[in-house]
Amino acid sequence: MQSSVILLMVLVCFNFMLKQTWHKKWSVLAHAAVAALFTGLMWPVAIEQSRSQIAEWLSKPTLMLDTSVVITVEVIIQMAFCLLSVHLMNTGTVRRRTVWAYRVLRWFPGILVFPVLFSILVYMVFTFPGVSFPLVAWSTAVGVFLITAGGTWMVEKLFPEKETRLELFFLTNILTALVAVISTVNGRTAVKGGGDVDLPALGGVVAIVAAGWIAGWALGLGRPWRKLNKKLKNRNINKIE
């Protein structure tokens, strides 16, 4: 459980930096500054947390299910950005509202990064006991700013082509959704599986699928035969003439 949550946090941070590669340098610095300010200003809340309380949060089914909903919504928004970007790349003239929708989705950095930053701040507070809380918080904020700006630059250098970054962003969001399902369900299932198999129903489904496949294959095969028959008829007509 803990390993999957850490993997989910790493994916969220990577997606956040990867999304910044579609922005200019001043915009990347602005997003990094917002993330750093959030980290530095949240220390009064972070010092009130405890390890047992965090473990209790992770074990609450209702809270984890709500978290999974938030993750799903954000993944859908980010994947919509990917699909809309592909549409703009492969389409000549587009409507103005499509362009505005693309701009809104491009400027959406994601909200999952803020809980991750808060978790990092809580971890740093626990790691350095006896040190001034504001010092730990603002030192972490400086690290967040440098890692966000430097990580975005590094990702852009590693993947200079926008198409490659777009494909990678799409795949990492799918992976984020899968890891989120594993992390949030915590071994629970909504429906209990049954051991009995309805063989007549299964046979009916297989028969319907097979009939549809045969019908589609026959319709697709009929077109080449029609073209071949037309060619043979034309040849015969030419020979007769």
Protein backbone atom coordinates (compact mmCIF):
# COMPACT_ATOMS: atom_id res chain seq x y z
CA MET A 1 0.00 0.00 0.00
CA GLN A 2 2.70 2.47 0.98
CA SER A 3 4.81 1.61 -2.07
CA SER A 4 1.89 2.20 -4.44
CA VAL A 5 1.13 5.55 -2.79
CA ILE A 6 4.78 6.63 -3.21
CA LEU A 7 4.70 5.54 -6.86
CA LEU A 8 1.50 7.53 -7.33
CA MET A 9 3.14 10.63 -5.84
CA VAL A 10 6.15 10.24 -8.16
CA LEU A 11 3.86 9.97 -11.19
CA VAL A 12 1.92 13.06 -10.13
CA CYS A 13 5.13 15.10 -9.79
CA PHE A 14 6.44 13.84 -13.13
CA ASN A 15 3.16 14.67 -14.87
CA PHE A 16 3.25 18.14 -13.34
CA MET A 17 6.75 18.84 -14.69
CA LEU A 18 5.94 17.24 -18.04
CA LYS A 19 2.87 19.46 -18.41
CA GLN A 20 5.07 22.54 -17.84
CA THR A 21 7.04 21.80 -21.02
CA TRP A 22 4.15 23.28 -23.02
CA HIS A 23 4.67 26.66 -21.34
CA LYS A 24 7.20 29.42 -21.77
CA LYS A 25 10.02 29.99 -19.29
CA TRP A 26 8.27 32.76 -17.38
CA SER A 27 5.18 30.60 -17.00
CA VAL A 28 7.25 27.67 -15.72
CA LEU A 29 8.89 29.95 -13.15
CA ALA A 30 5.47 31.27 -12.11
CA HIS A 31 4.10 27.75 -11.56
CA ALA A 32 7.25 26.80 -9.65
CA ALA A 33 6.88 29.91 -7.48
CA VAL A 34 3.23 29.06 -6.69
CA ALA A 35 4.21 25.52 -5.72
CA ALA A 36 7.05 26.85 -3.54
CA LEU A 37 4.81 29.41 -1.82
CA PHE A 38 2.21 26.76 -1.11
CA THR A 39 4.87 24.54 0.44
CA GLY A 40 6.32 27.33 2.56
CA LEU A 41 3.03 28.72 3.81
CA MET A 42 1.50 25.37 4.82
CA TRP A 43 3.88 24.68 7.69
CA PRO A 44 1.37 25.73 10.45
CA VAL A 45 -0.97 22.99 9.18
CA ALA A 46 1.81 20.47 8.58
CA ILE A 47 3.11 20.58 12.15
CA GLU A 48 -0.32 19.60 13.47
CA GLN A 49 -0.24 16.27 11.63
CA SER A 50 1.11 13.00 12.96
CA ARG A 51 2.16 9.68 11.47
CA SER A 52 -0.73 7.85 13.13
CA GLN A 53 -3.22 10.36 11.76
CA ILE A 54 -1.87 10.01 8.23
CA ALA A 55 -2.02 6.21 8.52
CA GLU A 56 -5.61 6.54 9.71
CA TRP A 57 -6.46 8.68 6.67
CA LEU A 58 -4.98 6.11 4.32
CA SER A 59 -7.05 3.36 5.94
CA LYS A 60 -10.39 5.20 5.66
CA PRO A 61 -12.42 3.70 2.78
CA THR A 62 -14.58 6.80 2.23
CA LEU A 63 -11.61 9.17 2.08
CA MET A 64 -9.70 6.92 -0.31
CA LEU A 65 -12.74 6.57 -2.57
CA ASP A 66 -13.13 10.36 -2.66
CA THR A 67 -9.44 10.63 -3.51
CA SER A 68 -9.88 8.16 -6.36
CA VAL A 69 -12.69 10.32 -7.77
CA VAL A 70 -10.46 13.42 -7.72
CA ILE A 71 -7.62 11.50 -9.39
CA THR A 72 -9.98 10.17 -12.06
CA VAL A 73 -11.32 13.64 -12.86
CA GLU A 74 -7.83 15.08 -13.17
CA VAL A 75 -6.66 12.21 -15.38
CA ILE A 76 -9.67 12.72 -17.65
CA ILE A 77 -8.90 16.44 -17.95
CA GLN A 78 -5.24 15.79 -18.78
CA MET A 79 -6.13 13.12 -21.34
CA ALA A 80 -8.63 15.53 -22.90
CA PHE A 81 -5.73 17.98 -23.29
CA CYS A 82 -3.75 15.28 -25.10
CA LEU A 83 -6.60 14.42 -27.46
CA LEU A 84 -7.34 18.07 -28.19
CA SER A 85 -3.64 18.72 -28.90
CA VAL A 86 -3.61 15.86 -31.42
CA HIS A 87 -6.74 17.30 -33.00
CA LEU A 88 -5.12 20.72 -33.41
CA MET A 89 -1.96 19.19 -34.87
CA ASN A 90 -3.83 17.25 -37.54
CA THR A 91 -6.55 19.77 -38.41
CA GLY A 92 -6.17 22.85 -40.57
CA THR A 93 -8.85 25.37 -39.61
CA VAL A 94 -10.42 25.03 -36.16
CA ARG A 95 -13.10 26.93 -34.33
CA ARG A 96 -12.26 29.66 -31.86
CA ARG A 97 -13.91 27.84 -28.97
CA THR A 98 -11.71 24.81 -29.68
CA VAL A 99 -8.61 26.99 -29.38
CA TRP A 100 -9.88 28.49 -26.13
CA ALA A 101 -10.63 25.04 -24.75
CA TYR A 102 -7.07 24.00 -25.60
CA ARG A 103 -5.67 27.05 -23.84
CA VAL A 104 -7.71 26.40 -20.71
CA LEU A 105 -6.61 22.77 -20.58
CA ARG A 106 -2.98 23.72 -21.23
CA TRP A 107 -2.99 26.19 -18.32
CA PHE A 108 -4.52 23.62 -15.96
CA PRO A 109 -1.48 22.38 -13.99
CA GLY A 110 -3.38 19.85 -11.91
CA ILE A 111 -4.54 19.85 -8.30
CA LEU A 112 -3.01 16.56 -7.20
CA VAL A 113 0.43 18.13 -6.96
CA PHE A 114 -0.65 20.23 -3.96
CA PRO A 115 -1.53 17.26 -1.70
CA VAL A 116 1.76 15.69 -2.77
CA LEU A 117 3.67 18.85 -1.81
CA PHE A 118 1.89 18.91 1.53
CA SER A 119 2.86 15.28 2.13
CA ILE A 120 6.48 16.08 1.32
CA LEU A 121 6.40 18.98 3.77
CA VAL A 122 4.99 16.77 6.54
CA TYR A 123 7.69 14.19 5.84
CA MET A 124 10.41 16.85 6.04
CA VAL A 125 9.04 18.12 9.36
CA PHE A 126 9.20 14.60 10.79
CA THR A 127 12.67 14.03 9.32
CA PHE A 128 14.27 17.08 10.99
CA PRO A 129 12.97 17.20 14.57
CA GLY A 130 14.22 20.06 16.69
CA VAL A 131 14.80 22.34 13.69
CA SER A 132 12.71 25.49 13.33
CA PHE A 133 9.52 24.69 11.48
CA PRO A 134 9.61 27.81 9.24
CA LEU A 135 13.23 27.02 8.34
CA VAL A 136 12.32 23.48 7.32
CA ALA A 137 9.28 24.67 5.39
CA TRP A 138 10.98 27.42 3.43
CA SER A 139 14.04 25.27 2.76
CA THR A 140 11.69 22.65 1.32
CA ALA A 141 9.98 25.41 -0.68
CA VAL A 142 13.30 26.45 -2.23
CA GLY A 143 13.95 22.81 -3.14
CA VAL A 144 10.48 22.53 -4.70
CA PHE A 145 11.11 25.65 -6.79
CA LEU A 146 14.51 24.43 -8.03
CA ILE A 147 13.32 20.89 -8.73
CA THR A 148 10.22 22.09 -10.59
CA ALA A 149 12.11 24.54 -12.80
CA GLY A 150 15.14 22.31 -13.31
CA GLY A 151 13.08 19.15 -13.78
CA THR A 152 10.92 20.81 -16.43
CA TRP A 153 14.03 21.95 -18.30
CA MET A 154 15.54 18.46 -18.08
CA VAL A 155 12.37 16.74 -19.32
CA GLU A 156 12.18 19.14 -22.27
CA LYS A 157 15.81 18.41 -23.14
CA LEU A 158 15.29 14.65 -22.90
CA PHE A 159 12.17 14.78 -25.07
CA PRO A 160 12.57 17.76 -27.42
CA GLU A 161 9.73 16.74 -29.75
CA LYS A 162 6.23 17.78 -28.71
CA GLU A 163 4.70 14.66 -30.22
CA THR A 164 6.88 12.43 -28.06
CA ARG A 165 6.08 14.41 -24.92
CA LEU A 166 2.40 14.32 -25.73
CA GLU A 167 2.42 10.56 -26.14
CA LEU A 168 4.43 10.16 -22.94
CA PHE A 169 2.04 12.44 -21.06
CA PHE A 170 -0.93 10.41 -22.26
CA LEU A 171 0.66 7.12 -21.19
CA THR A 172 1.79 8.37 -17.79
CA ASN A 173 -1.73 9.60 -17.05
CA ILE A 174 -3.10 6.15 -17.90
CA LEU A 175 -0.49 4.65 -15.57
CA THR A 176 -1.49 7.17 -12.88
CA ALA A 177 -5.10 6.08 -13.15
CA LEU A 178 -4.15 2.40 -12.85
CA VAL A 179 -1.89 2.98 -9.84
CA ALA A 180 -4.60 5.13 -8.25
CA VAL A 181 -7.08 2.27 -8.52
CA ILE A 182 -4.63 -0.08 -6.80
CA SER A 183 -3.77 2.46 -4.11
CA THR A 184 -7.27 3.61 -3.25
CA VAL A 185 -9.24 0.35 -3.24
CA ASN A 186 -6.80 -1.07 -0.65
CA GLY A 187 -7.69 -4.68 -1.42
CA ARG A 188 -11.45 -4.15 -1.41
CA THR A 189 -13.85 -5.09 -4.20
CA ALA A 190 -17.29 -3.66 -4.80
CA VAL A 191 -18.81 -6.96 -6.00
CA LYS A 192 -18.04 -10.47 -4.81
CA GLY A 193 -17.29 -12.91 -7.57
CA GLY A 194 -19.31 -16.07 -8.02
CA GLY A 195 -18.02 -19.55 -8.77
CA ASP A 196 -20.93 -20.70 -10.98
CA VAL A 197 -20.80 -20.13 -14.72
CA ASP A 198 -23.99 -19.92 -16.79
CA LEU A 199 -22.91 -22.08 -19.73
CA PRO A 200 -25.98 -21.45 -21.94
CA ALA A 201 -25.60 -17.69 -21.56
CA LEU A 202 -21.88 -17.91 -22.25
CA GLY A 203 -22.56 -20.02 -25.34
CA GLY A 204 -25.12 -17.50 -26.55
CA VAL A 205 -22.66 -14.62 -26.19
CA VAL A 206 -19.98 -16.57 -28.05
CA ALA A 207 -22.46 -17.44 -30.82
CA ILE A 208 -23.50 -13.79 -31.23
CA VAL A 209 -19.89 -12.64 -31.39
CA ALA A 210 -19.00 -15.37 -33.88
CA ALA A 211 -22.01 -14.54 -36.07
CA GLY A 212 -21.08 -10.85 -36.08
CA TRP A 213 -17.49 -11.66 -36.95
CA ILE A 214 -18.50 -13.96 -39.83
CA ALA A 215 -20.96 -11.36 -41.16
CA GLY A 216 -18.33 -8.61 -41.05
CA TRP A 217 -15.76 -10.85 -42.70
CA ALA A 218 -18.21 -11.80 -45.46
CA LEU A 219 -19.14 -8.17 -46.14
CA GLY A 220 -15.49 -7.14 -46.25
CA LEU A 221 -14.63 -10.06 -48.50
CA GLY A 222 -17.44 -9.25 -50.90
CA ARG A 223 -15.91 -5.95 -52.04
CA PRO A 224 -12.71 -7.44 -53.55
CA TRP A 225 -14.79 -10.11 -55.32
CA ARG A 226 -17.02 -7.42 -56.83
CA LYS A 227 -14.02 -5.50 -58.10
CA LEU A 228 -12.56 -8.72 -59.55
CA ASN A 229 -15.84 -9.55 -61.28
CA LYS A 230 -15.96 -6.07 -62.82
CA LYS A 231 -12.41 -6.45 -64.13
CA LEU A 232 -13.22 -9.87 -65.65
CA LYS A 233 -16.35 -8.51 -67.30
CA ASN A 234 -14.42 -5.60 -68.79
CA ARG A 235 -11.78 -7.97 -70.14
CA ASN A 236 -14.44 -10.19 -71.69
CA ILE A 237 -16.12 -7.20 -73.29
CA ASN A 238 -12.78 -6.02 -74.70
CA LYS A 239 -12.09 -9.49 -76.14
CA ILE A 240 -15.51 -9.63 -77.78
CA GLU A 241 -15.02 -6.20 -79.31
